């Protein structure tokens, strides 16, 4: 009788291990999706920034000086710094101003995607931290991720976790 109980407990633990692994994989895939969205939003933002600077360059301004002016005064190239550039160089046209407005919108989209990514990372970290999931996550080799900000986004593209864990070795 004790043997049957032990077998049932073992089977339960194996089923729980598979279920936990599947839940963690779903959370990891959600993080990867949000990371892709952040990268896509950042690329769109950069393209419009380059477009605005290109428009300013065609209006007779030196693009290298424009970038230096923007970064010296604002530290980053966002919508407000592009608009400030428009004020520095009043000869810039409406197409440039439209690009500045688009930079604002895309920058907000980028920040929203980054917040969604951080929410997914927080959900993942909370899931692998709670009992008894933390035991299974430890067995499977999953580790907490750090939140993403603009400074460490590039370094964090390869998130530090175990992917595609083969749980058959634990059976």
N, C-alpha and C. Protein backbone atom coordinates (compact mmCIF):
# COMPACT_ATOMS: atom_id res chain seq x y z
N UNK A 1 0.82 -1.20 0.00
CA UNK A 1 0.00 0.00 0.00
C UNK A 1 0.87 1.27 0.00
N UNK A 2 1.92 1.25 0.81
CA UNK A 2 2.82 2.39 0.87
C UNK A 2 3.50 2.60 -0.48
N UNK A 3 3.82 1.53 -1.16
CA UNK A 3 4.44 1.60 -2.48
C UNK A 3 3.52 2.30 -3.48
N UNK A 4 2.24 2.00 -3.44
CA UNK A 4 1.26 2.62 -4.34
C UNK A 4 1.14 4.12 -4.04
N UNK A 5 1.16 4.48 -2.78
CA UNK A 5 1.09 5.89 -2.39
C UNK A 5 2.33 6.63 -2.90
N UNK A 6 3.50 6.01 -2.75
CA UNK A 6 4.74 6.63 -3.23
C UNK A 6 4.73 6.79 -4.75
N UNK A 7 4.20 5.79 -5.43
CA UNK A 7 4.10 5.88 -6.90
C UNK A 7 3.16 7.02 -7.27
N UNK A 8 2.04 7.17 -6.59
CA UNK A 8 1.09 8.25 -6.87
C UNK A 8 1.73 9.61 -6.61
N UNK A 9 2.49 9.74 -5.54
CA UNK A 9 3.18 11.00 -5.23
C UNK A 9 4.21 11.30 -6.31
N UNK A 10 4.96 10.29 -6.74
CA UNK A 10 5.95 10.46 -7.79
C UNK A 10 5.29 10.91 -9.09
N UNK A 11 4.21 10.28 -9.46
CA UNK A 11 3.49 10.65 -10.69
C UNK A 11 2.97 12.08 -10.58
N UNK A 12 2.42 12.44 -9.41
CA UNK A 12 1.94 13.80 -9.21
C UNK A 12 3.08 14.80 -9.39
N UNK A 13 4.24 14.50 -8.83
CA UNK A 13 5.38 15.42 -8.93
C UNK A 13 5.84 15.56 -10.39
N UNK A 14 5.84 14.47 -11.13
CA UNK A 14 6.24 14.53 -12.54
C UNK A 14 5.24 15.37 -13.34
N UNK A 15 3.95 15.15 -13.09
CA UNK A 15 2.91 15.93 -13.78
C UNK A 15 3.06 17.41 -13.43
N UNK A 16 3.29 17.70 -12.16
CA UNK A 16 3.47 19.08 -11.71
C UNK A 16 4.71 19.71 -12.36
N UNK A 17 5.77 18.92 -12.51
CA UNK A 17 6.99 19.40 -13.15
C UNK A 17 6.72 19.78 -14.61
N UNK A 18 6.02 18.92 -15.34
CA UNK A 18 5.68 19.23 -16.72
C UNK A 18 4.78 20.47 -16.81
N UNK A 19 3.80 20.55 -15.92
CA UNK A 19 2.87 21.69 -15.94
C UNK A 19 3.61 22.99 -15.63
N UNK A 20 4.49 22.95 -14.64
CA UNK A 20 5.27 24.14 -14.27
C UNK A 20 6.16 24.56 -15.43
N UNK A 21 6.83 23.59 -16.05
CA UNK A 21 7.68 23.91 -17.19
C UNK A 21 6.87 24.56 -18.31
N UNK A 22 5.71 24.01 -18.60
CA UNK A 22 4.86 24.59 -19.66
C UNK A 22 4.46 26.02 -19.33
N UNK A 23 4.08 26.27 -18.08
CA UNK A 23 3.69 27.62 -17.68
C UNK A 23 4.87 28.60 -17.80
N UNK A 24 6.05 28.14 -17.42
CA UNK A 24 7.23 29.00 -17.51
C UNK A 24 7.56 29.28 -18.98
N UNK A 25 7.45 28.27 -19.81
CA UNK A 25 7.73 28.47 -21.24
C UNK A 25 6.76 29.48 -21.84
N UNK A 26 5.50 29.44 -21.43
CA UNK A 26 4.52 30.42 -21.91
C UNK A 26 4.95 31.83 -21.48
N UNK A 27 5.39 31.98 -20.23
CA UNK A 27 5.84 33.30 -19.76
C UNK A 27 7.09 33.76 -20.50
N UNK A 28 8.01 32.85 -20.76
CA UNK A 28 9.23 33.19 -21.50
C UNK A 28 8.88 33.63 -22.92
N UNK A 29 7.96 32.92 -23.54
CA UNK A 29 7.54 33.30 -24.90
C UNK A 29 6.88 34.68 -24.90
N UNK A 30 6.14 34.99 -23.84
CA UNK A 30 5.53 36.31 -23.72
C UNK A 30 6.62 37.38 -23.61
N UNK A 31 7.66 37.09 -22.85
CA UNK A 31 8.78 38.03 -22.72
C UNK A 31 9.46 38.22 -24.07
N UNK A 32 9.69 37.13 -24.79
CA UNK A 32 10.33 37.22 -26.10
C UNK A 32 9.48 38.04 -27.07
N UNK A 33 8.16 37.85 -27.02
CA UNK A 33 7.26 38.63 -27.87
C UNK A 33 7.37 40.12 -27.56
N UNK A 34 7.35 40.45 -26.27
CA UNK A 34 7.46 41.86 -25.89
C UNK A 34 8.84 42.43 -26.22
N UNK A 35 9.88 41.60 -26.10
CA UNK A 35 11.23 42.07 -26.48
C UNK A 35 11.26 42.39 -27.97
N UNK A 36 10.64 41.55 -28.78
CA UNK A 36 10.59 41.82 -30.23
C UNK A 36 9.81 43.10 -30.51
N UNK A 37 8.72 43.31 -29.78
CA UNK A 37 7.93 44.53 -29.98
C UNK A 37 8.73 45.77 -29.57
N UNK A 38 9.50 45.67 -28.48
CA UNK A 38 10.34 46.79 -28.05
C UNK A 38 11.37 47.10 -29.13
N UNK A 39 12.02 46.06 -29.64
CA UNK A 39 13.03 46.26 -30.67
C UNK A 39 12.43 46.84 -31.94
N UNK A 40 11.23 46.37 -32.33
CA UNK A 40 10.56 46.91 -33.52
C UNK A 40 10.20 48.38 -33.32
N UNK A 41 9.67 48.71 -32.13
CA UNK A 41 9.31 50.10 -31.84
C UNK A 41 10.55 50.99 -31.85
N UNK A 42 11.65 50.46 -31.32
CA UNK A 42 12.88 51.25 -31.30
C UNK A 42 13.42 51.48 -32.72
N UNK A 43 13.32 50.47 -33.57
CA UNK A 43 13.78 50.62 -34.96
C UNK A 43 12.92 51.63 -35.71
N UNK A 44 11.59 51.60 -35.51
CA UNK A 44 10.72 52.59 -36.15
C UNK A 44 11.09 53.99 -35.68
N UNK A 45 11.31 54.12 -34.38
CA UNK A 45 11.68 55.41 -33.81
C UNK A 45 12.99 55.92 -34.43
N UNK A 46 13.98 55.05 -34.52
CA UNK A 46 15.26 55.46 -35.11
C UNK A 46 15.10 55.88 -36.57
N UNK A 47 14.26 55.15 -37.31
CA UNK A 47 14.06 55.48 -38.72
C UNK A 47 13.46 56.87 -38.88
N UNK A 48 12.48 57.21 -38.05
CA UNK A 48 11.86 58.53 -38.16
C UNK A 48 12.82 59.60 -37.66
N UNK A 49 13.62 59.28 -36.65
CA UNK A 49 14.63 60.23 -36.20
C UNK A 49 15.61 60.54 -37.32
N UNK A 50 16.06 59.48 -37.99
CA UNK A 50 16.98 59.69 -39.12
C UNK A 50 16.32 60.49 -40.23
N UNK A 51 15.03 60.22 -40.45
CA UNK A 51 14.28 60.96 -41.48
C UNK A 51 14.25 62.45 -41.12
N UNK A 52 13.95 62.76 -39.88
CA UNK A 52 13.88 64.17 -39.47
C UNK A 52 15.23 64.84 -39.60
N UNK A 53 16.28 64.15 -39.21
CA UNK A 53 17.61 64.72 -39.33
C UNK A 53 17.99 64.87 -40.80
N UNK A 54 17.57 63.88 -41.62
CA UNK A 54 17.83 63.98 -43.06
C UNK A 54 17.12 65.16 -43.68
N UNK A 55 15.88 65.40 -43.26
CA UNK A 55 15.13 66.56 -43.77
C UNK A 55 15.84 67.85 -43.39
N UNK A 56 16.31 67.89 -42.14
CA UNK A 56 17.04 69.08 -41.70
C UNK A 56 18.32 69.24 -42.49
N UNK A 57 18.98 68.12 -42.80
CA UNK A 57 20.21 68.18 -43.59
C UNK A 57 19.95 68.70 -44.99
N UNK A 58 18.82 68.30 -45.58
CA UNK A 58 18.46 68.78 -46.92
C UNK A 58 18.11 70.26 -46.90
N UNK A 59 17.71 70.75 -45.72
CA UNK A 59 17.36 72.17 -45.61
C UNK A 59 18.61 73.02 -45.43
N UNK A 60 19.77 72.38 -45.57
CA UNK A 60 21.00 73.16 -45.55
C UNK A 60 21.77 73.08 -44.25
N UNK A 61 21.32 72.27 -43.33
CA UNK A 61 22.03 72.15 -42.06
C UNK A 61 22.98 70.95 -42.14
N UNK A 62 24.10 71.04 -41.47
CA UNK A 62 25.06 69.94 -41.41
C UNK A 62 24.52 68.88 -40.44
N UNK A 63 24.31 67.65 -40.94
CA UNK A 63 23.69 66.61 -40.11
C UNK A 63 24.51 66.29 -38.87
N UNK A 64 25.84 66.26 -39.01
CA UNK A 64 26.68 65.99 -37.84
C UNK A 64 26.50 67.05 -36.77
N UNK A 65 26.43 68.32 -37.19
CA UNK A 65 26.22 69.40 -36.22
C UNK A 65 24.82 69.31 -35.61
N UNK A 66 23.84 68.92 -36.43
CA UNK A 66 22.48 68.78 -35.90
C UNK A 66 22.44 67.76 -34.78
N UNK A 67 23.04 66.61 -35.01
CA UNK A 67 23.03 65.56 -33.99
C UNK A 67 23.76 66.03 -32.74
N UNK A 68 24.91 66.71 -32.92
CA UNK A 68 25.64 67.24 -31.76
C UNK A 68 24.79 68.25 -31.00
N UNK A 69 24.10 69.13 -31.73
CA UNK A 69 23.24 70.13 -31.09
C UNK A 69 22.14 69.46 -30.27
N UNK A 70 21.52 68.45 -30.87
CA UNK A 70 20.42 67.77 -30.17
C UNK A 70 20.93 67.08 -28.91
N UNK A 71 21.97 66.27 -29.06
CA UNK A 71 22.44 65.49 -27.92
C UNK A 71 23.08 66.37 -26.85
N UNK A 72 23.70 67.48 -27.24
CA UNK A 72 24.30 68.38 -26.25
C UNK A 72 23.23 69.04 -25.39
N UNK A 73 22.12 69.41 -26.01
CA UNK A 73 21.08 70.13 -25.28
C UNK A 73 20.08 69.21 -24.59
N UNK A 74 19.85 68.01 -25.15
CA UNK A 74 18.77 67.16 -24.65
C UNK A 74 19.22 65.77 -24.20
N UNK A 75 20.41 65.37 -24.57
CA UNK A 75 20.91 64.08 -24.16
C UNK A 75 20.37 62.92 -24.99
N UNK A 76 19.28 63.10 -25.68
CA UNK A 76 18.68 62.04 -26.49
C UNK A 76 17.94 62.68 -27.65
N UNK A 77 17.66 61.85 -28.64
CA UNK A 77 16.91 62.35 -29.78
C UNK A 77 15.48 61.86 -29.62
N UNK A 78 14.64 62.69 -29.01
CA UNK A 78 13.22 62.35 -28.89
C UNK A 78 12.42 63.48 -29.54
N UNK A 79 11.11 63.40 -29.44
CA UNK A 79 10.27 64.38 -30.11
C UNK A 79 10.52 65.80 -29.66
N UNK A 80 10.72 66.00 -28.36
CA UNK A 80 10.93 67.36 -27.87
C UNK A 80 12.27 67.91 -28.35
N UNK A 81 13.30 67.06 -28.43
CA UNK A 81 14.59 67.55 -28.91
C UNK A 81 14.55 67.83 -30.41
N UNK A 82 13.76 67.03 -31.16
CA UNK A 82 13.60 67.30 -32.59
C UNK A 82 12.87 68.63 -32.78
N UNK A 83 11.81 68.88 -31.97
CA UNK A 83 11.10 70.16 -32.06
C UNK A 83 12.01 71.31 -31.67
N UNK A 84 12.85 71.08 -30.65
CA UNK A 84 13.79 72.13 -30.25
C UNK A 84 14.76 72.43 -31.38
N UNK A 85 15.14 71.39 -32.11
CA UNK A 85 16.00 71.58 -33.27
C UNK A 85 15.29 72.45 -34.30
N UNK A 86 13.99 72.22 -34.46
CA UNK A 86 13.20 73.05 -35.37
C UNK A 86 13.21 74.50 -34.96
N UNK A 87 13.24 74.75 -33.65
CA UNK A 87 13.30 76.13 -33.17
C UNK A 87 14.69 76.72 -33.38
N UNK A 88 15.73 75.88 -33.25
CA UNK A 88 17.09 76.35 -33.48
C UNK A 88 17.30 76.74 -34.96
N UNK A 89 16.63 75.98 -35.84
CA UNK A 89 16.78 76.19 -37.27
C UNK A 89 15.39 76.46 -37.87
N UNK A 90 14.92 77.68 -37.81
CA UNK A 90 13.55 77.99 -38.23
C UNK A 90 13.29 77.79 -39.72
N UNK A 91 14.33 77.57 -40.50
CA UNK A 91 14.12 77.36 -41.94
C UNK A 91 13.59 75.96 -42.24
N UNK A 92 13.53 75.11 -41.26
CA UNK A 92 13.05 73.74 -41.48
C UNK A 92 11.56 73.77 -41.79
N UNK A 93 11.12 72.83 -42.62
CA UNK A 93 9.77 72.89 -43.17
C UNK A 93 8.75 72.07 -42.36
N UNK A 94 7.52 72.07 -42.88
CA UNK A 94 6.43 71.35 -42.22
C UNK A 94 6.66 69.85 -42.18
N UNK A 95 7.33 69.32 -43.19
CA UNK A 95 7.62 67.89 -43.22
C UNK A 95 8.49 67.52 -42.02
N UNK A 96 9.40 68.42 -41.69
CA UNK A 96 10.25 68.21 -40.52
C UNK A 96 9.42 68.23 -39.25
N UNK A 97 8.50 69.17 -39.14
CA UNK A 97 7.64 69.25 -37.95
C UNK A 97 6.77 68.01 -37.82
N UNK A 98 6.28 67.50 -38.96
CA UNK A 98 5.48 66.27 -38.93
C UNK A 98 6.34 65.10 -38.45
N UNK A 99 7.60 65.08 -38.85
CA UNK A 99 8.50 64.03 -38.38
C UNK A 99 8.70 64.14 -36.87
N UNK A 100 8.80 65.36 -36.37
CA UNK A 100 8.97 65.56 -34.93
C UNK A 100 7.75 65.03 -34.17
N UNK A 101 6.56 65.28 -34.70
CA UNK A 101 5.35 64.75 -34.05
C UNK A 101 5.33 63.23 -34.10
N UNK A 102 5.77 62.65 -35.21
CA UNK A 102 5.82 61.20 -35.33
C UNK A 102 6.83 60.61 -34.35
N UNK A 103 7.96 61.30 -34.15
CA UNK A 103 8.95 60.85 -33.18
C UNK A 103 8.32 60.81 -31.79
N UNK A 104 7.54 61.84 -31.44
CA UNK A 104 6.85 61.84 -30.14
C UNK A 104 5.96 60.61 -29.98
N UNK A 105 5.15 60.34 -30.99
CA UNK A 105 4.23 59.20 -30.93
C UNK A 105 5.00 57.89 -30.83
N UNK A 106 6.02 57.73 -31.66
CA UNK A 106 6.79 56.49 -31.65
C UNK A 106 7.58 56.32 -30.36
N UNK A 107 8.05 57.43 -29.79
CA UNK A 107 8.76 57.35 -28.51
C UNK A 107 7.80 56.88 -27.42
N UNK A 108 6.57 57.39 -27.43
CA UNK A 108 5.57 56.92 -26.46
C UNK A 108 5.26 55.44 -26.67
N UNK A 109 5.13 55.03 -27.94
CA UNK A 109 4.90 53.61 -28.24
C UNK A 109 6.05 52.76 -27.72
N UNK A 110 7.25 53.22 -27.93
CA UNK A 110 8.45 52.52 -27.46
C UNK A 110 8.42 52.36 -25.94
N UNK A 111 8.11 53.44 -25.23
CA UNK A 111 8.05 53.37 -23.76
C UNK A 111 6.94 52.44 -23.29
N UNK A 112 5.79 52.46 -23.99
CA UNK A 112 4.69 51.56 -23.63
C UNK A 112 5.09 50.10 -23.83
N UNK A 113 5.75 49.81 -24.93
CA UNK A 113 6.22 48.44 -25.18
C UNK A 113 7.24 48.01 -24.13
N UNK A 114 8.10 48.95 -23.77
CA UNK A 114 9.09 48.65 -22.74
C UNK A 114 8.41 48.37 -21.39
N UNK A 115 7.36 49.12 -21.07
CA UNK A 115 6.61 48.87 -19.83
C UNK A 115 5.92 47.51 -19.88
N UNK A 116 5.36 47.15 -21.05
CA UNK A 116 4.74 45.83 -21.20
C UNK A 116 5.77 44.73 -21.02
N UNK A 117 6.97 44.93 -21.57
CA UNK A 117 8.04 43.95 -21.40
C UNK A 117 8.39 43.80 -19.93
N UNK A 118 8.54 44.90 -19.22
CA UNK A 118 8.86 44.84 -17.81
C UNK A 118 7.75 44.18 -17.00
N UNK A 119 6.51 44.38 -17.40
CA UNK A 119 5.40 43.71 -16.72
C UNK A 119 5.49 42.20 -16.92
N UNK A 120 5.83 41.78 -18.13
CA UNK A 120 5.99 40.35 -18.41
C UNK A 120 7.14 39.76 -17.61
N UNK A 121 8.24 40.48 -17.52
CA UNK A 121 9.39 40.01 -16.74
C UNK A 121 9.02 39.91 -15.27
N UNK A 122 8.28 40.90 -14.76
CA UNK A 122 7.84 40.87 -13.37
C UNK A 122 6.93 39.68 -13.11
N UNK A 123 6.01 39.42 -14.03
CA UNK A 123 5.11 38.26 -13.89
C UNK A 123 5.91 36.96 -13.88
N UNK A 124 6.87 36.84 -14.78
CA UNK A 124 7.75 35.66 -14.83
C UNK A 124 8.51 35.50 -13.52
N UNK A 125 9.13 36.59 -13.04
CA UNK A 125 9.90 36.54 -11.79
C UNK A 125 9.03 36.15 -10.60
N UNK A 126 7.83 36.70 -10.55
CA UNK A 126 6.92 36.35 -9.44
C UNK A 126 6.52 34.88 -9.52
N UNK A 127 6.25 34.39 -10.73
CA UNK A 127 5.82 33.01 -10.89
C UNK A 127 6.90 32.03 -10.45
N UNK A 128 8.15 32.28 -10.86
CA UNK A 128 9.20 31.33 -10.49
C UNK A 128 9.69 31.51 -9.06
N UNK A 129 9.20 32.54 -8.37
CA UNK A 129 9.61 32.80 -6.99
C UNK A 129 8.66 32.20 -5.95
N UNK A 130 7.42 31.94 -6.35
CA UNK A 130 6.46 31.47 -5.35
C UNK A 130 6.58 29.97 -5.12
N UNK A 131 6.24 29.57 -3.93
CA UNK A 131 6.29 28.16 -3.55
C UNK A 131 5.07 27.44 -4.07
N UNK A 132 5.14 26.26 -4.56
CA UNK A 132 6.28 25.35 -4.77
C UNK A 132 6.92 25.49 -6.13
N UNK A 133 6.46 26.45 -6.94
CA UNK A 133 7.01 26.63 -8.28
C UNK A 133 8.50 26.91 -8.23
N UNK A 134 8.96 27.61 -7.18
CA UNK A 134 10.38 27.93 -7.09
C UNK A 134 11.24 26.67 -7.02
N UNK A 135 10.72 25.62 -6.42
CA UNK A 135 11.46 24.36 -6.34
C UNK A 135 11.60 23.76 -7.74
N UNK A 136 10.48 23.69 -8.44
CA UNK A 136 10.50 23.13 -9.80
C UNK A 136 11.33 24.01 -10.74
N UNK A 137 11.19 25.31 -10.61
CA UNK A 137 11.96 26.22 -11.46
C UNK A 137 13.46 26.05 -11.21
N UNK A 138 13.82 25.86 -9.94
CA UNK A 138 15.22 25.62 -9.61
C UNK A 138 15.72 24.31 -10.20
N UNK A 139 14.91 23.28 -10.13
CA UNK A 139 15.28 21.98 -10.72
C UNK A 139 15.48 22.12 -12.22
N UNK A 140 14.62 22.90 -12.86
CA UNK A 140 14.67 23.06 -14.30
C UNK A 140 15.70 24.11 -14.75
N UNK A 141 16.29 24.83 -13.82
CA UNK A 141 17.34 25.78 -14.15
C UNK A 141 16.89 27.17 -14.52
N UNK A 142 15.65 27.53 -14.24
CA UNK A 142 15.17 28.87 -14.57
C UNK A 142 15.65 29.85 -13.50
N UNK A 143 16.00 31.06 -13.95
CA UNK A 143 16.47 32.11 -13.04
C UNK A 143 15.68 33.39 -13.28
N UNK A 144 15.71 34.26 -12.27
CA UNK A 144 15.03 35.55 -12.41
C UNK A 144 15.71 36.40 -13.46
N UNK A 145 14.91 37.23 -14.13
CA UNK A 145 15.43 38.21 -15.08
C UNK A 145 15.38 39.58 -14.44
N UNK A 146 16.26 40.47 -14.91
CA UNK A 146 16.20 41.84 -14.44
C UNK A 146 15.33 42.65 -15.38
N UNK A 147 14.76 43.71 -14.84
CA UNK A 147 13.91 44.58 -15.65
C UNK A 147 14.75 45.32 -16.68
N UNK A 148 14.10 45.73 -17.75
CA UNK A 148 14.78 46.36 -18.86
C UNK A 148 14.57 47.87 -18.80
N UNK A 149 15.65 48.61 -18.97
CA UNK A 149 15.55 50.06 -19.15
C UNK A 149 16.35 50.42 -20.39
N UNK A 150 16.35 51.66 -20.76
CA UNK A 150 17.00 52.05 -22.02
C UNK A 150 18.50 51.74 -22.00
N UNK A 151 19.14 51.89 -20.83
CA UNK A 151 20.58 51.68 -20.76
C UNK A 151 20.95 50.21 -20.96
N UNK A 152 20.16 49.29 -20.42
CA UNK A 152 20.54 47.89 -20.53
C UNK A 152 19.71 47.11 -21.54
N UNK A 153 18.94 47.79 -22.38
CA UNK A 153 18.12 47.09 -23.37
C UNK A 153 19.00 46.31 -24.34
N UNK A 154 20.04 46.92 -24.85
CA UNK A 154 20.89 46.24 -25.81
C UNK A 154 21.57 45.03 -25.17
N UNK A 155 22.04 45.19 -23.92
CA UNK A 155 22.69 44.08 -23.24
C UNK A 155 21.70 42.98 -22.89
N UNK A 156 20.45 43.31 -22.76
CA UNK A 156 19.46 42.35 -22.30
C UNK A 156 18.73 41.64 -23.43
N UNK A 157 19.16 41.82 -24.65
CA UNK A 157 18.48 41.12 -25.74
C UNK A 157 18.56 39.62 -25.56
N UNK A 158 19.68 39.16 -25.04
CA UNK A 158 19.81 37.75 -24.73
C UNK A 158 19.50 37.60 -23.24
N UNK A 159 18.25 37.33 -22.93
CA UNK A 159 17.84 37.25 -21.54
C UNK A 159 18.49 36.04 -20.88
N UNK A 160 18.92 36.23 -19.63
CA UNK A 160 19.66 35.20 -18.92
C UNK A 160 18.69 34.20 -18.30
N UNK A 161 18.39 33.17 -19.06
CA UNK A 161 17.52 32.11 -18.56
C UNK A 161 17.79 30.86 -19.36
N UNK A 162 17.27 29.77 -18.89
CA UNK A 162 17.43 28.51 -19.60
C UNK A 162 16.26 28.37 -20.55
N UNK A 163 16.55 28.15 -21.83
CA UNK A 163 15.51 27.96 -22.82
C UNK A 163 15.44 26.48 -23.20
N UNK A 164 14.24 26.04 -23.53
CA UNK A 164 14.02 24.69 -24.04
C UNK A 164 14.66 23.63 -23.16
N UNK A 165 14.34 23.69 -21.88
CA UNK A 165 14.87 22.71 -20.94
C UNK A 165 14.30 21.35 -21.28
N UNK A 166 15.16 20.35 -21.32
CA UNK A 166 14.72 18.98 -21.58
C UNK A 166 14.39 18.34 -20.24
N UNK A 167 13.10 18.31 -19.92
CA UNK A 167 12.72 17.78 -18.60
C UNK A 167 12.64 16.27 -18.61
N UNK A 168 12.85 15.63 -19.74
CA UNK A 168 12.83 14.17 -19.75
C UNK A 168 13.97 13.59 -18.93
N UNK A 169 15.04 14.35 -18.76
CA UNK A 169 16.16 13.86 -17.97
C UNK A 169 15.83 13.80 -16.48
N UNK A 170 14.76 14.49 -16.07
CA UNK A 170 14.36 14.49 -14.67
C UNK A 170 13.37 13.39 -14.37
N UNK A 171 12.88 12.70 -15.39
CA UNK A 171 11.86 11.67 -15.19
C UNK A 171 12.52 10.35 -14.86
